[in-house]
Amino acid sequence: MQLNEVNFRDEHPIDGYGPGFFRVGGTAYQGAIAVLPGGVTSWRGLEDAETLLKAMGEVDVLLFGMGPEIAQLPAELRTALETAGIGAEVMATPQACRTYNVLLGEGRRVGAALLPV
């Protein structure tokens, strides 16, 4: 088996997470975050479409980490993202973090909106 080093370009992978925090690119963040091509920012949760819509034209898919369990996105948020041309995939936060890193490593145009576990 051949192992290849992953190149994340100028973007930062999600290094870790725990109760109430995330570590992205070596920096710790408390609470919910959005990991977008422009960097990591605080995210006010499912009512905060404005923060996520800033990624319009920069991401093809936005992964939603909904905490320890999968939950549905509010219809208004899903509609706003679809109108902006951003696909939404919903999963539990641990799976969203792993999937984000894999897609980022593949060079995909991906972002993550993460609620803490």
N, C-alpha and C. Protein backbone atom coordinates (compact mmCIF):
# COMPACT_ATOMS: atom_id res chain seq x y z
N MET A 1 0.84 -1.17 0.00
CA MET A 1 0.00 0.00 0.00
C MET A 1 0.89 1.23 0.00
N GLN A 2 0.57 2.15 -0.89
CA GLN A 2 1.32 3.40 -0.97
C GLN A 2 0.58 4.48 -0.19
N LEU A 3 1.32 5.20 0.64
CA LEU A 3 0.75 6.31 1.40
C LEU A 3 1.24 7.61 0.79
N ASN A 4 0.32 8.54 0.61
CA ASN A 4 0.66 9.85 0.06
C ASN A 4 0.36 10.92 1.08
N GLU A 5 1.23 11.91 1.15
CA GLU A 5 0.99 13.03 2.04
C GLU A 5 -0.14 13.89 1.48
N VAL A 6 -1.04 14.30 2.35
CA VAL A 6 -2.16 15.14 1.94
C VAL A 6 -1.72 16.60 1.95
N ASN A 7 -2.05 17.31 0.87
CA ASN A 7 -1.74 18.73 0.78
C ASN A 7 -3.04 19.51 0.90
N PHE A 8 -3.18 20.27 1.95
CA PHE A 8 -4.40 21.05 2.18
C PHE A 8 -4.32 22.45 1.59
N ARG A 9 -3.34 22.71 0.72
CA ARG A 9 -3.13 24.03 0.13
C ARG A 9 -3.03 25.07 1.24
N ASP A 10 -3.74 26.16 1.11
CA ASP A 10 -3.71 27.21 2.13
C ASP A 10 -4.83 27.05 3.15
N GLU A 11 -5.65 26.02 2.99
CA GLU A 11 -6.76 25.77 3.92
C GLU A 11 -6.26 24.95 5.10
N HIS A 12 -7.04 24.93 6.16
CA HIS A 12 -6.64 24.22 7.37
C HIS A 12 -7.61 23.09 7.66
N PRO A 13 -7.08 21.90 7.94
CA PRO A 13 -7.94 20.78 8.32
C PRO A 13 -8.45 20.94 9.75
N ILE A 14 -9.50 20.21 10.05
CA ILE A 14 -10.01 20.16 11.41
C ILE A 14 -9.16 19.14 12.15
N ASP A 15 -8.39 19.61 13.14
CA ASP A 15 -7.45 18.76 13.86
C ASP A 15 -8.11 17.96 14.98
N GLY A 16 -9.18 18.52 15.55
CA GLY A 16 -9.81 17.84 16.67
C GLY A 16 -11.04 18.58 17.14
N TYR A 17 -11.77 17.93 18.04
CA TYR A 17 -12.98 18.52 18.61
C TYR A 17 -13.25 17.82 19.93
N GLY A 18 -14.05 18.46 20.75
CA GLY A 18 -14.43 17.88 22.04
C GLY A 18 -15.62 18.64 22.56
N PRO A 19 -15.99 18.41 23.81
CA PRO A 19 -17.16 19.10 24.36
C PRO A 19 -17.00 20.62 24.31
N GLY A 20 -17.70 21.25 23.39
CA GLY A 20 -17.73 22.70 23.29
C GLY A 20 -16.60 23.36 22.52
N PHE A 21 -15.69 22.59 21.90
CA PHE A 21 -14.58 23.24 21.21
C PHE A 21 -14.19 22.49 19.93
N PHE A 22 -13.46 23.19 19.07
CA PHE A 22 -12.86 22.63 17.86
C PHE A 22 -11.43 23.12 17.78
N ARG A 23 -10.57 22.34 17.14
CA ARG A 23 -9.20 22.78 16.85
C ARG A 23 -9.02 22.68 15.34
N VAL A 24 -8.75 23.83 14.72
CA VAL A 24 -8.60 23.90 13.27
C VAL A 24 -7.26 24.55 12.96
N GLY A 25 -6.44 23.85 12.19
CA GLY A 25 -5.13 24.40 11.84
C GLY A 25 -4.30 24.74 13.04
N GLY A 26 -4.48 24.00 14.14
CA GLY A 26 -3.68 24.22 15.35
C GLY A 26 -4.24 25.25 16.31
N THR A 27 -5.34 25.91 15.95
CA THR A 27 -5.94 26.93 16.81
C THR A 27 -7.25 26.41 17.39
N ALA A 28 -7.47 26.63 18.69
CA ALA A 28 -8.69 26.19 19.35
C ALA A 28 -9.78 27.26 19.25
N TYR A 29 -11.00 26.81 19.03
CA TYR A 29 -12.17 27.68 18.94
C TYR A 29 -13.26 27.12 19.84
N GLN A 30 -13.92 28.01 20.57
CA GLN A 30 -15.02 27.61 21.45
C GLN A 30 -16.35 27.81 20.73
N GLY A 31 -17.28 26.91 20.95
CA GLY A 31 -18.63 27.05 20.42
C GLY A 31 -18.73 26.67 18.95
N ALA A 32 -19.85 27.03 18.35
CA ALA A 32 -20.13 26.70 16.95
C ALA A 32 -19.23 27.52 16.03
N ILE A 33 -18.75 26.88 14.95
CA ILE A 33 -17.87 27.56 14.00
C ILE A 33 -18.28 27.25 12.56
N ALA A 34 -17.87 28.12 11.67
CA ALA A 34 -17.97 27.88 10.23
C ALA A 34 -16.54 27.86 9.70
N VAL A 35 -16.20 26.78 9.00
CA VAL A 35 -14.87 26.63 8.39
C VAL A 35 -15.08 26.81 6.90
N LEU A 36 -14.66 27.98 6.40
CA LEU A 36 -14.91 28.36 5.01
C LEU A 36 -13.58 28.71 4.34
N PRO A 37 -13.56 28.83 3.02
CA PRO A 37 -12.30 29.14 2.34
C PRO A 37 -11.58 30.37 2.89
N GLY A 38 -12.29 31.34 3.39
CA GLY A 38 -11.66 32.53 3.94
C GLY A 38 -11.11 32.36 5.34
N GLY A 39 -11.39 31.22 5.97
CA GLY A 39 -10.90 30.97 7.32
C GLY A 39 -12.00 30.47 8.23
N VAL A 40 -11.71 30.48 9.51
CA VAL A 40 -12.64 29.99 10.53
C VAL A 40 -13.29 31.19 11.19
N THR A 41 -14.60 31.11 11.37
CA THR A 41 -15.31 32.20 12.03
C THR A 41 -16.32 31.63 13.00
N SER A 42 -16.68 32.41 13.99
CA SER A 42 -17.74 32.03 14.90
C SER A 42 -19.04 31.96 14.11
N TRP A 43 -19.89 30.99 14.45
CA TRP A 43 -21.17 30.82 13.75
C TRP A 43 -22.26 30.80 14.80
N ARG A 44 -23.32 31.54 14.58
CA ARG A 44 -24.40 31.66 15.57
C ARG A 44 -25.42 30.53 15.48
N GLY A 45 -25.14 29.51 14.68
CA GLY A 45 -26.03 28.35 14.62
C GLY A 45 -26.99 28.40 13.44
N LEU A 46 -28.00 27.57 13.49
CA LEU A 46 -28.88 27.34 12.36
C LEU A 46 -29.69 28.56 11.92
N GLU A 47 -29.76 29.57 12.75
CA GLU A 47 -30.47 30.79 12.39
C GLU A 47 -29.56 31.77 11.65
N ASP A 48 -28.29 31.45 11.53
CA ASP A 48 -27.28 32.35 10.96
C ASP A 48 -26.90 31.93 9.54
N ALA A 49 -27.78 32.21 8.60
CA ALA A 49 -27.49 31.90 7.19
C ALA A 49 -26.49 32.91 6.62
N GLU A 50 -26.50 34.13 7.12
CA GLU A 50 -25.66 35.20 6.58
C GLU A 50 -24.17 34.82 6.56
N THR A 51 -23.69 34.26 7.65
CA THR A 51 -22.28 33.85 7.72
C THR A 51 -21.96 32.82 6.65
N LEU A 52 -22.85 31.87 6.44
CA LEU A 52 -22.60 30.79 5.49
C LEU A 52 -22.73 31.25 4.05
N LEU A 53 -23.62 32.19 3.78
CA LEU A 53 -23.82 32.67 2.42
C LEU A 53 -22.64 33.48 1.90
N LYS A 54 -21.74 33.89 2.79
CA LYS A 54 -20.52 34.58 2.36
C LYS A 54 -19.63 33.67 1.53
N ALA A 55 -19.86 32.35 1.62
CA ALA A 55 -19.06 31.38 0.86
C ALA A 55 -19.63 31.14 -0.54
N MET A 56 -20.67 31.86 -0.92
CA MET A 56 -21.27 31.68 -2.24
C MET A 56 -20.21 31.87 -3.32
N GLY A 57 -20.13 30.93 -4.23
CA GLY A 57 -19.15 30.98 -5.30
C GLY A 57 -17.80 30.41 -4.92
N GLU A 58 -17.60 30.10 -3.63
CA GLU A 58 -16.32 29.56 -3.17
C GLU A 58 -16.42 28.11 -2.73
N VAL A 59 -17.63 27.64 -2.39
CA VAL A 59 -17.82 26.25 -2.00
C VAL A 59 -18.96 25.65 -2.82
N ASP A 60 -18.83 24.37 -3.09
CA ASP A 60 -19.89 23.64 -3.78
C ASP A 60 -20.80 22.94 -2.79
N VAL A 61 -20.22 22.53 -1.68
CA VAL A 61 -21.01 21.83 -0.66
C VAL A 61 -20.60 22.31 0.73
N LEU A 62 -21.58 22.42 1.58
CA LEU A 62 -21.37 22.81 2.97
C LEU A 62 -21.81 21.64 3.84
N LEU A 63 -20.89 21.13 4.64
CA LEU A 63 -21.18 20.02 5.54
C LEU A 63 -21.66 20.59 6.86
N PHE A 64 -22.79 20.11 7.33
CA PHE A 64 -23.34 20.56 8.61
C PHE A 64 -23.11 19.48 9.65
N GLY A 65 -22.37 19.83 10.69
CA GLY A 65 -22.20 18.97 11.86
C GLY A 65 -23.22 19.40 12.89
N MET A 66 -24.21 18.55 13.14
CA MET A 66 -25.37 18.93 13.96
C MET A 66 -25.21 18.57 15.43
N GLY A 67 -23.99 18.35 15.89
CA GLY A 67 -23.77 17.92 17.26
C GLY A 67 -23.60 16.41 17.29
N PRO A 68 -23.95 15.77 18.39
CA PRO A 68 -23.72 14.32 18.49
C PRO A 68 -24.69 13.49 17.64
N GLU A 69 -25.81 14.06 17.23
CA GLU A 69 -26.82 13.34 16.46
C GLU A 69 -27.16 14.10 15.18
N ILE A 70 -27.67 13.39 14.21
CA ILE A 70 -28.13 14.02 12.97
C ILE A 70 -29.48 14.68 13.22
N ALA A 71 -29.66 15.87 12.69
CA ALA A 71 -30.94 16.58 12.75
C ALA A 71 -31.15 17.27 11.41
N GLN A 72 -32.36 17.63 11.11
CA GLN A 72 -32.66 18.28 9.84
C GLN A 72 -32.33 19.77 9.90
N LEU A 73 -31.99 20.30 8.72
CA LEU A 73 -31.80 21.74 8.61
C LEU A 73 -33.17 22.42 8.54
N PRO A 74 -33.27 23.62 9.09
CA PRO A 74 -34.51 24.37 8.89
C PRO A 74 -34.71 24.62 7.39
N ALA A 75 -35.95 24.53 6.94
CA ALA A 75 -36.27 24.68 5.52
C ALA A 75 -35.78 26.01 4.96
N GLU A 76 -35.88 27.08 5.74
CA GLU A 76 -35.44 28.40 5.27
C GLU A 76 -33.95 28.41 4.98
N LEU A 77 -33.16 27.78 5.84
CA LEU A 77 -31.72 27.74 5.65
C LEU A 77 -31.36 26.92 4.42
N ARG A 78 -31.97 25.75 4.27
CA ARG A 78 -31.70 24.90 3.10
C ARG A 78 -32.06 25.64 1.81
N THR A 79 -33.20 26.32 1.79
CA THR A 79 -33.62 27.07 0.61
C THR A 79 -32.65 28.19 0.28
N ALA A 80 -32.19 28.92 1.30
CA ALA A 80 -31.25 30.02 1.08
C ALA A 80 -29.94 29.50 0.49
N LEU A 81 -29.46 28.37 0.99
CA LEU A 81 -28.23 27.79 0.47
C LEU A 81 -28.41 27.30 -0.96
N GLU A 82 -29.50 26.61 -1.23
CA GLU A 82 -29.75 26.11 -2.59
C GLU A 82 -29.87 27.26 -3.58
N THR A 83 -30.52 28.34 -3.18
CA THR A 83 -30.66 29.52 -4.04
C THR A 83 -29.29 30.11 -4.35
N ALA A 84 -28.36 30.02 -3.41
CA ALA A 84 -27.00 30.54 -3.59
C ALA A 84 -26.09 29.54 -4.32
N GLY A 85 -26.62 28.37 -4.65
CA GLY A 85 -25.82 27.38 -5.36
C GLY A 85 -24.91 26.57 -4.46
N ILE A 86 -25.25 26.50 -3.18
CA ILE A 86 -24.45 25.75 -2.22
C ILE A 86 -25.23 24.51 -1.79
N GLY A 87 -24.65 23.34 -2.01
CA GLY A 87 -25.27 22.10 -1.55
C GLY A 87 -25.08 21.94 -0.06
N ALA A 88 -26.01 21.28 0.59
CA ALA A 88 -25.94 21.07 2.04
C ALA A 88 -26.02 19.58 2.34
N GLU A 89 -25.08 19.10 3.14
CA GLU A 89 -25.08 17.71 3.60
C GLU A 89 -25.08 17.74 5.12
N VAL A 90 -26.04 17.04 5.71
CA VAL A 90 -26.22 17.06 7.16
C VAL A 90 -25.76 15.74 7.75
N MET A 91 -24.99 15.83 8.84
CA MET A 91 -24.51 14.65 9.54
C MET A 91 -24.16 15.04 10.97
N ALA A 92 -23.83 14.05 11.79
CA ALA A 92 -23.35 14.35 13.14
C ALA A 92 -21.98 15.04 13.03
N THR A 93 -21.64 15.84 14.01
CA THR A 93 -20.40 16.62 13.96
C THR A 93 -19.14 15.78 13.75
N PRO A 94 -18.95 14.66 14.45
CA PRO A 94 -17.72 13.89 14.20
C PRO A 94 -17.58 13.46 12.73
N GLN A 95 -18.67 13.01 12.13
CA GLN A 95 -18.63 12.59 10.72
C GLN A 95 -18.40 13.79 9.81
N ALA A 96 -18.97 14.94 10.14
CA ALA A 96 -18.77 16.13 9.32
C ALA A 96 -17.30 16.56 9.34
N CYS A 97 -16.66 16.48 10.50
CA CYS A 97 -15.24 16.84 10.59
C CYS A 97 -14.39 15.92 9.74
N ARG A 98 -14.63 14.62 9.83
CA ARG A 98 -13.84 13.67 9.04
C ARG A 98 -14.09 13.86 7.54
N THR A 99 -15.34 14.02 7.16
CA THR A 99 -15.68 14.18 5.75
C THR A 99 -15.08 15.47 5.20
N TYR A 100 -15.12 16.53 5.98
CA TYR A 100 -14.52 17.79 5.57
C TYR A 100 -13.04 17.60 5.24
N ASN A 101 -12.31 16.94 6.13
CA ASN A 101 -10.88 16.73 5.91
C ASN A 101 -10.60 15.91 4.66
N VAL A 102 -11.40 14.88 4.43
CA VAL A 102 -11.21 14.04 3.24
C VAL A 102 -11.45 14.86 1.98
N LEU A 103 -12.56 15.58 1.93
CA LEU A 103 -12.88 16.38 0.74
C LEU A 103 -11.87 17.50 0.53
N LEU A 104 -11.44 18.13 1.61
CA LEU A 104 -10.43 19.18 1.51
C LEU A 104 -9.14 18.61 0.95
N GLY A 105 -8.75 17.43 1.42
CA GLY A 105 -7.54 16.78 0.93
C GLY A 105 -7.62 16.40 -0.54
N GLU A 106 -8.84 16.20 -1.04
CA GLU A 106 -9.05 15.90 -2.45
C GLU A 106 -9.09 17.16 -3.32
N GLY A 107 -8.98 18.31 -2.66
CA GLY A 107 -9.01 19.57 -3.41
C GLY A 107 -10.40 20.06 -3.73
N ARG A 108 -11.40 19.52 -3.05
CA ARG A 108 -12.78 19.93 -3.30
C ARG A 108 -13.07 21.29 -2.69
N ARG A 109 -14.06 21.95 -3.24
CA ARG A 109 -14.53 23.25 -2.73
C ARG A 109 -15.59 22.98 -1.65
N VAL A 110 -15.12 22.86 -0.43
CA VAL A 110 -15.97 22.43 0.67
C VAL A 110 -15.85 23.38 1.85
N GLY A 111 -16.92 23.46 2.62
CA GLY A 111 -16.94 24.21 3.86
C GLY A 111 -17.66 23.39 4.91
N ALA A 112 -17.58 23.81 6.16
CA ALA A 112 -18.24 23.09 7.25
C ALA A 112 -18.86 24.10 8.22
N ALA A 113 -20.07 23.81 8.64
CA ALA A 113 -20.75 24.57 9.68
C ALA A 113 -20.98 23.59 10.82
N LEU A 114 -20.32 23.83 11.94
CA LEU A 114 -20.23 22.81 12.98
C LEU A 114 -20.79 23.28 14.33
N LEU A 115 -21.74 22.50 14.84
CA LEU A 115 -22.21 22.69 16.20
C LEU A 115 -21.39 21.76 17.10
N PRO A 116 -21.04 22.20 18.30
CA PRO A 116 -20.20 21.37 19.17
C PRO A 116 -20.90 20.08 19.60
N VAL A 117 -20.06 19.10 19.96
CA VAL A 117 -20.59 17.84 20.50
C VAL A 117 -20.76 17.96 21.98
